[in-house]
Amino acid sequence: MADTESRAPGKDIIALSPDGRELWVSVKGFPENSPNTQARHWFSGAVFDLILYHDENPDVTLALGLPDGFPTYKGLPPPCQVASGINAF
């Protein structure tokens, strides 16, 4: 699991999904500087992480955790969720 305080890379949450499969979650927070641009960069980095996680273990359930109410994040997940099967929370 990642050390979020030090911003170390890695899976932020490892848990069991509702169907009993292992669940790996990459979590992103509220951007601080240049929020819309930073949110897009963080989002693209998180999606890339999920692609790498899938290569590491294609049998796990992958998810992306984003804060509710941030417009840039709110506009990004639906197309990716449909295209790649990633769960967005």
Protein backbone atom coordinates (compact mmCIF):
# COMPACT_ATOMS: atom_id res chain seq x y z
CA MET A 1 0.00 0.00 0.00
CA ALA A 2 1.23 3.48 -0.80
CA ASP A 3 2.33 5.95 1.85
CA THR A 4 -0.01 8.79 0.84
CA GLU A 5 1.52 11.29 3.26
CA SER A 6 4.90 11.00 1.54
CA ARG A 7 3.17 10.70 -1.85
CA ALA A 8 5.00 7.44 -2.54
CA PRO A 9 3.86 5.59 -5.65
CA GLY A 10 1.88 2.38 -5.36
CA LYS A 11 -1.61 1.05 -4.80
CA ASP A 12 -3.43 3.32 -2.36
CA ILE A 13 -5.98 0.73 -1.22
CA ILE A 14 -5.89 -3.06 -1.43
CA ALA A 15 -9.16 -4.70 -0.38
CA LEU A 16 -11.78 -7.23 -1.43
CA SER A 17 -14.45 -6.18 -3.91
CA PRO A 18 -18.13 -6.97 -3.23
CA ASP A 19 -17.80 -10.08 -5.43
CA GLY A 20 -14.85 -11.35 -3.36
CA ARG A 21 -12.10 -10.48 -5.83
CA GLU A 22 -9.01 -8.56 -4.80
CA LEU A 23 -9.53 -4.82 -5.37
CA TRP A 24 -6.70 -2.35 -6.07
CA VAL A 25 -7.61 1.33 -5.86
CA SER A 26 -5.64 4.36 -7.01
CA VAL A 27 -6.90 7.43 -5.12
CA LYS A 28 -6.51 11.07 -6.16
CA GLY A 29 -7.35 14.10 -4.04
CA PHE A 30 -8.22 17.73 -4.61
CA PRO A 31 -5.58 19.51 -6.70
CA GLU A 32 -3.89 22.50 -5.04
CA ASN A 33 -2.12 24.46 -7.79
CA SER A 34 -3.62 25.04 -11.24
CA PRO A 35 -6.47 22.73 -10.21
CA ASN A 36 -7.93 21.87 -13.63
CA THR A 37 -4.55 21.17 -15.23
CA GLN A 38 -3.24 19.31 -12.18
CA ALA A 39 -6.42 17.21 -12.01
CA ARG A 40 -5.98 16.13 -15.63
CA HIS A 41 -2.34 15.18 -15.04
CA TRP A 42 -3.19 13.26 -11.86
CA PHE A 43 -6.06 11.52 -13.63
CA SER A 44 -3.92 10.46 -16.60
CA GLY A 45 -1.21 9.24 -14.21
CA ALA A 46 -3.78 7.22 -12.26
CA VAL A 47 -5.16 5.62 -15.42
CA PHE A 48 -1.61 4.72 -16.47
CA ASP A 49 -1.05 3.17 -13.02
CA LEU A 50 -4.21 1.09 -13.46
CA ILE A 51 -2.95 -0.15 -16.83
CA LEU A 52 0.31 -1.22 -15.18
CA TYR A 53 -1.62 -2.86 -12.32
CA HIS A 54 -3.67 -4.82 -14.85
CA ASP A 55 -0.47 -6.07 -16.46
CA GLU A 56 0.78 -7.06 -12.99
CA ASN A 57 -2.37 -9.08 -12.24
CA PRO A 58 -5.23 -9.21 -14.77
CA ASP A 59 -7.48 -11.03 -12.27
CA VAL A 60 -7.85 -8.15 -9.79
CA THR A 61 -10.65 -5.58 -9.85
CA LEU A 62 -9.27 -2.09 -10.49
CA ALA A 63 -10.79 1.15 -9.28
CA LEU A 64 -10.05 4.85 -9.27
CA GLY A 65 -11.07 6.91 -6.23
CA LEU A 66 -11.75 10.59 -6.90
CA PRO A 67 -13.18 13.33 -4.67
CA ASP A 68 -16.83 14.10 -5.25
CA GLY A 69 -17.77 17.52 -6.54
CA PHE A 70 -14.57 18.48 -8.38
CA PRO A 71 -15.74 19.47 -11.91
CA THR A 72 -12.62 18.39 -13.81
CA TYR A 73 -12.64 14.91 -12.27
CA LYS A 74 -16.40 14.66 -12.65
CA GLY A 75 -16.10 15.19 -16.40
CA LEU A 76 -13.30 12.65 -16.95
CA PRO A 77 -14.24 9.20 -15.56
CA PRO A 78 -17.36 8.19 -17.58
CA PRO A 79 -15.67 7.75 -20.98
CA CYS A 80 -12.76 5.88 -19.43
CA GLN A 81 -15.03 3.74 -17.27
CA VAL A 82 -17.01 2.59 -20.30
CA ALA A 83 -13.93 2.08 -22.49
CA SER A 84 -11.75 0.17 -20.04
CA GLY A 85 -13.98 -1.35 -17.38
CA ILE A 86 -12.36 0.69 -14.62
CA ASN A 87 -14.58 1.32 -11.59
CA ALA A 88 -14.73 4.98 -10.54
CA PHE A 89 -15.64 5.89 -6.96
